[in-house]
């Protein structure tokens, strides 16, 4: 069978294809862009890729580079150091506003140009060329292929980068920029001139959505704390002075660029990229925004459309038959606080008639630290109540945790090792 998803994406492009907006005209290379280009790509966190339209057409990454350079700088410098240099508050202003904190002199956030220029200077590198190459190589790893700088676009953009140069000199005068302003703006311009496609951007976004692990190469590129920081700033600042409308209407951490691209990363699910060069007054793709609004509505992608994760964590409970009966609690999914709480509540409320109690983690694919601590405390209290507790834990997600002053947990790999006779479900 042929997947219906590419056909659906074509339908979305057709429905969102009005001709409103205009291409960016303040950069000669962007002014020459074909305004009718329109493409989309969706990449899942387990590596499936769906594309439609002009998904493989190359264009410069522009401001969509900002989250990824911010991620590199966070990885190089650490979150506390970056927080002292670049803020995380929405500016409420356009992307190219000269916006610095009056007291500290630091930029409001890393998604506006002033913050992005300073962020570029904080990426590791002995000089400007080394920093630029570190950025290019980092972006290539996010995309899963070697990316190159469009030298013509870089030269064209740098020739008209007077406002960015003014910001860099102001940053230098404020004492927050340590490098040469002209050198940093040239490197930042090269960063914005890296050529990508929708397919590249969707995979880069999917790496963020996958908590920093590339969906195809399985390479761990960023730590979870860094990804959380980047995605948080994308959510609140990525769409500039339209961030509030974006949050309410779309609800996906995102970033736009004046070349006509928009990227979104939905945690744990997908990375999405749309390309259409006509821009609105905020400098974001008109059709790109319409596509994201449609996807968010059709596919339930709004971050605040919260799944009932907690309710589904406890798959069921049952008692085996026979003289040596066992009460078994089956868990599933991504076990955070809410999910672990439903399990603990069910165990606490039960009137156990068996000596043995088993926690079945076979279907738990991730156990967060809070879930681990809650379950271990549950085990401790069951043991205090005189129960013999064992864990069905083939991946050793819980049982790998040491218990100070306690015997090791009794662990088995499957239900077969626990149950010797047919079971009946608890009502």
Protein backbone atom coordinates (compact mmCIF):
# COMPACT_ATOMS: atom_id res chain seq x y z
CA UNK A 1 0.00 0.00 0.00
CA UNK A 2 1.18 3.55 -0.73
CA UNK A 3 1.19 5.87 2.27
CA UNK A 4 -1.54 8.54 2.17
CA UNK A 5 0.64 11.08 3.99
CA UNK A 6 2.39 12.55 0.88
CA UNK A 7 -1.02 12.97 -0.76
CA UNK A 8 -2.27 14.75 2.34
CA UNK A 9 0.74 17.09 2.25
CA UNK A 10 0.02 17.89 -1.41
CA UNK A 11 -3.56 18.66 -0.44
CA UNK A 12 -2.31 21.03 2.26
CA UNK A 13 -0.01 22.82 -0.19
CA UNK A 14 -2.89 23.21 -2.63
CA UNK A 15 -5.20 24.59 0.06
CA UNK A 16 -2.60 27.07 1.38
CA UNK A 17 -1.26 28.31 -1.93
CA UNK A 18 -2.59 31.88 -2.11
CA UNK A 19 -0.19 34.53 -3.46
CA UNK A 20 -0.17 37.07 -0.61
CA UNK A 21 3.08 38.59 0.62
CA UNK A 22 6.32 39.57 -1.12
CA UNK A 23 9.87 38.28 -1.26
CA UNK A 24 12.56 40.01 0.83
CA UNK A 25 13.98 42.80 -1.33
CA UNK A 26 16.70 44.26 0.91
CA UNK A 27 19.12 41.46 0.01
CA UNK A 28 19.73 41.15 -3.76
CA UNK A 29 20.00 37.36 -3.74
CA UNK A 30 16.70 36.99 -1.88
CA UNK A 31 14.96 39.53 -4.09
CA UNK A 32 15.71 37.28 -7.07
CA UNK A 33 14.00 34.22 -5.49
CA UNK A 34 11.20 32.48 -7.35
CA UNK A 35 8.10 33.55 -5.38
CA UNK A 36 6.12 30.50 -6.51
CA UNK A 37 8.32 27.90 -4.84
CA UNK A 38 6.36 25.93 -2.27
CA UNK A 39 7.50 22.80 -0.47
CA UNK A 40 7.00 20.87 2.73
CA UNK A 41 8.74 18.05 4.54
CA UNK A 42 7.80 16.20 7.72
CA UNK A 43 10.34 13.99 9.53
CA UNK A 44 9.37 11.79 12.47
CA UNK A 45 11.63 11.14 15.45
CA UNK A 46 12.09 7.53 14.32
CA UNK A 47 13.34 8.55 10.88
CA UNK A 48 10.33 8.44 8.53
CA UNK A 49 10.37 11.32 6.04
CA UNK A 50 7.42 12.61 3.98
CA UNK A 51 7.74 15.40 1.43
CA UNK A 52 5.69 17.26 -1.16
CA UNK A 53 6.19 20.13 -3.59
CA UNK A 54 9.58 21.86 -3.76
CA UNK A 55 10.95 20.01 -0.75
CA UNK A 56 14.39 19.46 -2.33
CA UNK A 57 14.94 22.97 -3.69
CA UNK A 58 17.93 24.70 -2.09
CA UNK A 59 17.75 28.09 -0.37
CA UNK A 60 19.74 29.91 2.31
CA UNK A 61 18.89 29.05 5.90
CA UNK A 62 18.89 32.67 7.14
CA UNK A 63 17.36 33.11 10.63
CA UNK A 64 16.36 29.46 10.84
CA UNK A 65 20.04 29.01 11.67
CA UNK A 66 19.62 30.78 15.01
CA UNK A 67 18.28 27.89 17.14
CA UNK A 68 21.04 25.58 15.94
CA UNK A 69 23.88 28.06 16.54
CA UNK A 70 22.35 28.76 19.95
CA UNK A 71 22.45 25.01 20.60
CA UNK A 72 26.12 24.82 19.61
CA UNK A 73 27.03 27.77 21.83
CA UNK A 74 25.08 26.27 24.75
CA UNK A 75 26.94 23.00 24.29
CA UNK A 76 30.29 24.83 24.12
CA UNK A 77 29.77 27.34 26.92
CA UNK A 78 27.17 25.75 29.18
CA UNK A 79 23.70 27.04 29.97
CA UNK A 80 24.63 29.23 33.02
CA UNK A 81 27.36 31.07 31.10
CA UNK A 82 25.10 31.64 28.08
CA UNK A 83 22.29 32.93 30.31
CA UNK A 84 24.66 35.59 31.64
CA UNK A 85 25.47 36.74 28.10
CA UNK A 86 22.22 36.28 26.12
CA UNK A 87 18.75 36.65 27.62
CA UNK A 88 15.72 34.42 27.12
CA UNK A 89 12.92 37.01 27.24
CA UNK A 90 10.73 37.83 24.20
CA UNK A 91 11.63 41.25 22.86
CA UNK A 92 8.21 42.01 21.40
CA UNK A 93 10.08 43.67 18.55
CA UNK A 94 11.03 42.91 14.96
CA UNK A 95 13.96 40.59 14.24
CA UNK A 96 16.32 43.42 13.30
CA UNK A 97 15.57 45.81 16.15
CA UNK A 98 18.58 47.06 18.06
CA UNK A 99 17.38 45.56 21.32
CA UNK A 100 19.72 45.36 24.33
CA UNK A 101 18.95 45.24 28.04
CA UNK A 102 19.48 48.70 29.50
CA UNK A 103 21.26 47.46 32.62
CA UNK A 104 23.35 44.50 31.42
CA UNK A 105 23.79 45.41 27.76
CA UNK A 106 22.99 41.84 26.75
CA UNK A 107 20.55 41.04 23.91
CA UNK A 108 17.00 40.06 24.88
CA UNK A 109 17.26 36.59 23.31
CA UNK A 110 19.19 34.53 20.76
CA UNK A 111 16.44 34.60 18.10
CA UNK A 112 16.68 38.32 17.25
CA UNK A 113 19.65 39.51 15.21
CA UNK A 114 21.50 41.19 18.06
CA UNK A 115 21.33 38.01 20.14
CA UNK A 116 22.20 35.81 17.19
CA UNK A 117 25.29 37.85 16.35
CA UNK A 118 26.55 37.58 19.92
CA UNK A 119 25.63 33.88 20.02
CA UNK A 120 27.71 33.24 16.88
CA UNK A 121 30.72 34.83 18.61
CA UNK A 122 30.32 32.39 21.53
CA UNK A 123 30.69 29.24 19.44
CA UNK A 124 34.09 27.62 19.99
CA UNK A 125 36.80 28.56 17.50
CA UNK A 126 40.24 30.15 17.55
CA UNK A 127 39.17 32.76 15.00
CA UNK A 128 36.28 33.74 12.78
CA UNK A 129 37.05 31.13 10.14
CA UNK A 130 37.19 28.36 12.75
CA UNK A 131 33.88 29.46 14.27
CA UNK A 132 32.22 29.52 10.86
CA UNK A 133 33.50 26.07 10.06
CA UNK A 134 32.32 24.73 13.41
CA UNK A 135 28.86 26.10 12.64
CA UNK A 136 28.83 24.61 9.15
CA UNK A 137 29.95 21.21 10.40
CA UNK A 138 27.44 21.33 13.24
CA UNK A 139 24.59 22.11 10.87
CA UNK A 140 25.73 19.29 8.60
CA UNK A 141 25.49 16.82 11.47
CA UNK A 142 22.00 18.07 12.32
CA UNK A 143 20.95 17.63 8.69
CA UNK A 144 22.70 14.30 8.22
CA UNK A 145 24.63 15.43 5.15
CA UNK A 146 27.39 17.88 4.24
CA UNK A 147 26.03 21.42 3.86
CA UNK A 148 27.81 24.27 2.07
CA UNK A 149 27.79 28.06 2.19
CA UNK A 150 26.30 29.91 -0.77
CA UNK A 151 29.25 32.26 -1.30
CA UNK A 152 27.35 34.51 -3.69
CA UNK A 153 24.50 34.97 -1.21
CA UNK A 154 26.97 35.57 1.62
CA UNK A 155 28.80 38.30 -0.29
CA UNK A 156 25.52 39.91 -1.37
CA UNK A 157 24.14 39.92 2.15
CA UNK A 158 27.33 41.16 3.81
CA UNK A 159 27.49 44.07 1.38
CA UNK A 160 24.19 45.34 2.78
CA UNK A 161 24.70 44.30 6.43
CA UNK A 162 24.98 47.86 7.75
CA UNK A 163 22.32 47.40 10.44
CA UNK A 164 23.88 44.17 11.68
CA UNK A 165 27.28 45.85 11.74
CA UNK A 166 25.75 48.66 13.80
CA UNK A 167 24.38 46.10 16.29
CA UNK A 168 27.75 44.39 16.54
CA UNK A 169 29.54 47.67 17.26
CA UNK A 170 26.93 48.48 19.91
CA UNK A 171 27.47 45.04 21.47
CA UNK A 172 31.20 45.72 21.48
CA UNK A 173 30.68 49.15 23.05
CA UNK A 174 28.43 47.58 25.71
CA UNK A 175 31.23 45.20 26.67
CA UNK A 176 29.36 41.96 25.91
CA UNK A 177 31.04 41.21 22.56
CA UNK A 178 34.68 40.21 22.91
CA UNK A 179 35.51 39.65 19.22
CA UNK A 180 35.99 42.08 16.36
CA UNK A 181 32.49 43.30 15.29
CA UNK A 182 33.14 43.14 11.56
CA UNK A 183 34.63 39.66 11.84
CA UNK A 184 31.63 38.39 13.81
CA UNK A 185 29.06 39.87 11.40
CA UNK A 186 30.89 38.32 8.47
CA UNK A 187 30.76 34.93 10.22
CA UNK A 188 27.10 35.39 11.13
CA UNK A 189 26.33 36.25 7.51
CA UNK A 190 28.07 33.08 6.34
CA UNK A 191 26.02 31.15 8.91
CA UNK A 192 22.81 32.56 7.41
CA UNK A 193 24.02 31.71 3.88
CA UNK A 194 24.33 27.96 4.39
CA UNK A 195 22.23 26.23 1.74
CA UNK A 196 19.50 23.85 2.88
CA UNK A 197 16.29 22.29 1.62
CA UNK A 198 13.02 21.53 3.35
CA UNK A 199 14.23 17.97 3.71
CA UNK A 200 17.40 19.14 5.49
CA UNK A 201 15.51 21.48 7.78
CA UNK A 202 12.88 18.89 8.69
CA UNK A 203 15.63 16.50 9.76
CA UNK A 204 17.38 19.23 11.73
CA UNK A 205 14.11 20.06 13.47
CA UNK A 206 13.41 16.37 14.07
CA UNK A 207 16.77 16.11 15.85
CA UNK A 208 15.53 18.75 18.29
CA UNK A 209 12.18 16.98 18.57
CA UNK A 210 14.08 13.76 19.31
CA UNK A 211 15.82 15.33 22.33
CA UNK A 212 19.08 15.88 20.48
CA UNK A 213 19.54 12.47 18.83
CA UNK A 214 19.55 12.37 15.02
CA UNK A 215 16.61 10.21 13.89
CA UNK A 216 18.59 8.42 11.17
CA UNK A 217 22.23 8.36 12.29
CA UNK A 218 21.23 7.86 15.96
CA UNK A 219 24.12 10.15 16.89
CA UNK A 220 23.63 12.07 20.14
CA UNK A 221 24.29 15.65 19.04
CA UNK A 222 22.89 17.63 21.97
CA UNK A 223 22.12 16.97 25.61
CA UNK A 224 18.53 17.04 26.82
CA UNK A 225 19.04 20.22 28.91
CA UNK A 226 20.41 22.04 25.87
CA UNK A 227 17.49 20.92 23.71
CA UNK A 228 15.00 22.01 26.36
CA UNK A 229 16.63 25.45 26.50
CA UNK A 230 16.62 25.84 22.72
CA UNK A 231 13.03 24.66 22.29
CA UNK A 232 11.83 26.93 25.10
CA UNK A 233 13.38 30.00 23.50
CA UNK A 234 12.04 28.97 20.09
CA UNK A 235 8.55 28.73 21.56
CA UNK A 236 8.60 32.16 23.18
CA UNK A 237 10.86 34.13 20.82
CA UNK A 238 11.20 32.27 17.52
CA UNK A 239 8.45 34.14 15.69
CA UNK A 240 9.51 37.57 16.95
CA UNK A 241 6.70 40.07 17.54
CA UNK A 242 4.14 37.52 16.30
CA UNK A 243 5.12 34.96 18.97
CA UNK A 244 1.86 35.31 20.88
CA UNK A 245 -0.31 34.73 17.82
CA UNK A 246 1.88 31.78 16.86
CA UNK A 247 1.64 30.21 20.30
CA UNK A 248 -2.15 30.43 20.40
CA UNK A 249 -2.83 29.51 16.76
CA UNK A 250 -0.11 26.92 16.09
CA UNK A 251 1.53 25.98 19.39
CA UNK A 252 4.75 24.45 18.02
CA UNK A 253 8.30 25.65 18.86
CA UNK A 254 9.33 27.28 15.59
CA UNK A 255 11.66 29.61 13.73
CA UNK A 256 11.19 31.53 10.50
CA UNK A 257 13.69 32.96 8.03
CA UNK A 258 13.50 35.72 5.43
CA UNK A 259 14.39 33.29 2.65
CA UNK A 260 10.85 31.95 3.10
CA UNK A 261 11.36 28.96 5.35
CA UNK A 262 9.61 28.06 8.58
CA UNK A 263 10.69 25.17 10.80
CA UNK A 264 8.85 23.60 13.71
CA UNK A 265 9.91 20.94 16.19
CA UNK A 266 7.17 19.15 18.15
CA UNK A 267 8.82 17.39 21.12
CA UNK A 268 8.78 13.62 20.85
CA UNK A 269 6.93 13.63 17.53
CA UNK A 270 8.10 15.41 14.37
CA UNK A 271 10.18 18.07 12.73
CA UNK A 272 8.44 20.10 10.01
CA UNK A 273 9.83 22.49 7.41
CA UNK A 274 7.95 24.62 4.87
CA UNK A 275 9.42 26.82 2.14
CA UNK A 276 7.63 29.63 0.33
CA UNK A 277 9.50 32.93 -0.29
CA UNK A 278 6.63 35.43 0.00
CA UNK A 279 6.80 37.08 3.43
CA UNK A 280 4.40 38.90 5.74
CA UNK A 281 5.15 42.12 7.63
CA UNK A 282 6.95 40.15 10.37
CA UNK A 283 9.41 38.64 7.88
CA UNK A 284 7.83 35.17 7.96
CA UNK A 285 6.51 33.09 5.06
CA UNK A 286 2.80 33.78 4.48
CA UNK A 287 2.07 30.33 3.07
CA UNK A 288 4.41 28.70 5.57
CA UNK A 289 2.36 30.06 8.45
CA UNK A 290 -0.86 28.91 6.80
CA UNK A 291 0.56 25.40 6.41
CA UNK A 292 1.55 25.22 10.06
CA UNK A 293 -1.88 26.44 11.13
CA UNK A 294 -3.46 23.73 8.99
CA UNK A 295 -1.15 20.99 10.30
CA UNK A 296 -1.68 22.05 13.89
CA UNK A 297 -5.46 21.92 13.42
CA UNK A 298 -5.65 18.73 11.34
CA UNK A 299 -3.06 16.68 13.17
CA UNK A 300 -3.48 17.85 16.77
CA UNK A 301 0.06 19.23 16.87
CA UNK A 302 -0.58 22.13 19.25
CA UNK A 303 1.70 21.74 22.26
CA UNK A 304 -1.17 22.54 24.60
CA UNK A 305 -3.36 19.76 23.17
CA UNK A 306 -1.97 17.53 25.89
CA UNK A 307 -2.41 13.80 25.54
CA UNK A 308 -3.83 11.91 28.51
CA UNK A 309 -0.42 10.39 29.19
CA UNK A 310 -0.98 9.85 32.89
CA UNK A 311 -4.20 7.91 32.44
CA UNK A 312 -2.65 5.56 29.90
CA UNK A 313 0.49 4.71 31.90
CA UNK A 314 -1.21 1.88 33.80
CA UNK A 315 -2.15 -0.62 31.12
CA UNK A 316 -3.90 -2.92 33.57
CA UNK A 317 -3.53 -5.15 36.62
CA UNK A 318 -4.35 -8.80 37.21
CA UNK A 319 -3.88 -11.73 39.57
CA UNK A 320 -2.49 -15.06 38.46
CA UNK A 321 -4.40 -18.21 39.41
CA UNK A 322 -2.98 -20.94 41.58
CA UNK A 323 -1.55 -21.37 45.03
CA UNK A 324 1.46 -19.14 44.36
CA UNK A 325 -0.58 -16.26 42.89
CA UNK A 326 0.97 -12.94 41.90
CA UNK A 327 -0.63 -9.50 41.55
CA UNK A 328 0.81 -7.90 38.42
CA UNK A 329 0.73 -4.20 37.48
CA UNK A 330 1.42 -3.55 33.79
CA UNK A 331 2.87 -0.16 32.85
CA UNK A 332 3.50 1.35 29.41
CA UNK A 333 4.83 4.34 27.53
CA UNK A 334 6.94 7.27 28.68
CA UNK A 335 6.73 7.20 32.47
CA UNK A 336 6.90 10.69 33.96
CA UNK A 337 5.36 12.00 37.18
CA UNK A 338 1.73 11.89 36.04
CA UNK A 339 2.02 8.34 34.72
CA UNK A 340 3.92 7.05 37.74
CA UNK A 341 1.37 8.69 40.02
CA UNK A 342 -1.51 6.72 38.47
CA UNK A 343 0.43 3.48 39.04
CA UNK A 344 1.33 4.36 42.63
CA UNK A 345 -2.24 5.42 43.35
CA UNK A 346 -3.63 2.15 42.03
CA UNK A 347 -1.18 0.10 44.10
CA UNK A 348 -1.84 2.16 47.23
CA UNK A 349 -5.61 1.77 46.90
CA UNK A 350 -5.55 -1.99 46.23
CA UNK A 351 -6.42 -4.61 48.85
CA UNK A 352 -3.75 -7.13 47.92
CA UNK A 353 -4.70 -10.76 48.47
CA UNK A 354 -1.40 -12.17 47.24
CA UNK A 355 1.97 -12.39 48.93
CA UNK A 356 3.82 -11.48 45.75
CA UNK A 357 3.41 -8.25 43.74
CA UNK A 358 5.02 -7.74 40.33
CA UNK A 359 5.70 -4.48 38.49
CA UNK A 360 5.74 -5.16 34.74
CA UNK A 361 7.87 -2.59 32.87
CA UNK A 362 8.06 -4.56 29.62
CA UNK A 363 6.18 -1.89 27.66
CA UNK A 364 7.85 1.13 29.32
CA UNK A 365 10.15 2.64 26.70
CA UNK A 366 11.43 5.47 28.90
CA UNK A 367 11.50 5.82 32.67
CA UNK A 368 12.21 9.36 33.86
CA UNK A 369 14.09 9.92 37.10
CA UNK A 370 10.96 11.04 38.92
CA UNK A 371 9.13 7.90 37.78
CA UNK A 372 12.05 5.72 38.88
CA UNK A 373 12.14 7.27 42.34
CA UNK A 374 8.37 6.95 42.77
CA UNK A 375 8.35 3.28 41.78
CA UNK A 376 11.31 2.45 44.03
CA UNK A 377 9.54 4.10 46.95
CA UNK A 378 6.44 2.09 46.09
CA UNK A 379 8.54 -1.09 46.18
CA UNK A 380 9.95 -0.08 49.57
CA UNK A 381 6.52 0.48 51.06
CA UNK A 382 5.12 -2.75 49.66
CA UNK A 383 8.02 -4.58 51.28
CA UNK A 384 7.27 -2.84 54.59
CA UNK A 385 3.71 -4.16 54.22
CA UNK A 386 5.13 -7.68 54.00
CA UNK A 387 4.87 -8.18 50.24
CA UNK A 388 7.51 -9.84 48.11
CA UNK A 389 8.06 -7.51 45.17
CA UNK A 390 9.56 -8.53 41.86
CA UNK A 391 10.10 -6.56 38.67
CA UNK A 392 9.47 -7.73 35.12
CA UNK A 393 12.15 -5.60 33.53
CA UNK A 394 13.89 -7.04 30.44
CA UNK A 395 15.59 -3.69 29.66
CA UNK A 396 16.68 -3.17 33.30
CA UNK A 397 15.19 0.34 33.34
CA UNK A 398 14.29 0.22 37.03
CA UNK A 399 16.31 -2.67 38.37
CA UNK A 400 19.64 -1.11 37.43
CA UNK A 401 19.19 1.35 40.30
CA UNK A 402 21.10 0.53 43.48
CA UNK A 403 19.14 0.30 46.74
CA UNK A 404 21.21 1.44 49.69
CA UNK A 405 21.05 -1.09 52.51
CA UNK A 406 18.58 -3.28 50.65
CA UNK A 407 18.81 -6.60 48.87
CA UNK A 408 18.79 -6.28 45.07
CA UNK A 409 15.41 -6.22 43.42
CA UNK A 410 14.12 -9.59 42.24
CA UNK A 411 14.11 -9.25 38.48
CA UNK A 412 12.75 -11.46 35.70
CA UNK A 413 12.68 -10.95 31.94
CA UNK A 414 9.13 -11.97 31.11
CA UNK A 415 5.70 -12.85 32.41
CA UNK A 416 6.37 -16.51 31.71
CA UNK A 417 8.87 -16.53 34.54
CA UNK A 418 6.16 -15.32 36.92
CA UNK A 419 2.95 -16.93 35.76
CA UNK A 420 2.54 -20.66 35.40
CA UNK A 421 -1.24 -20.73 34.96
CA UNK A 422 -3.89 -18.66 33.12
CA UNK A 423 -4.77 -15.34 34.69
CA UNK A 424 -7.90 -13.30 35.25
CA UNK A 425 -8.12 -9.52 35.17
CA UNK A 426 -8.91 -7.47 38.24
CA UNK A 427 -12.14 -5.51 37.94
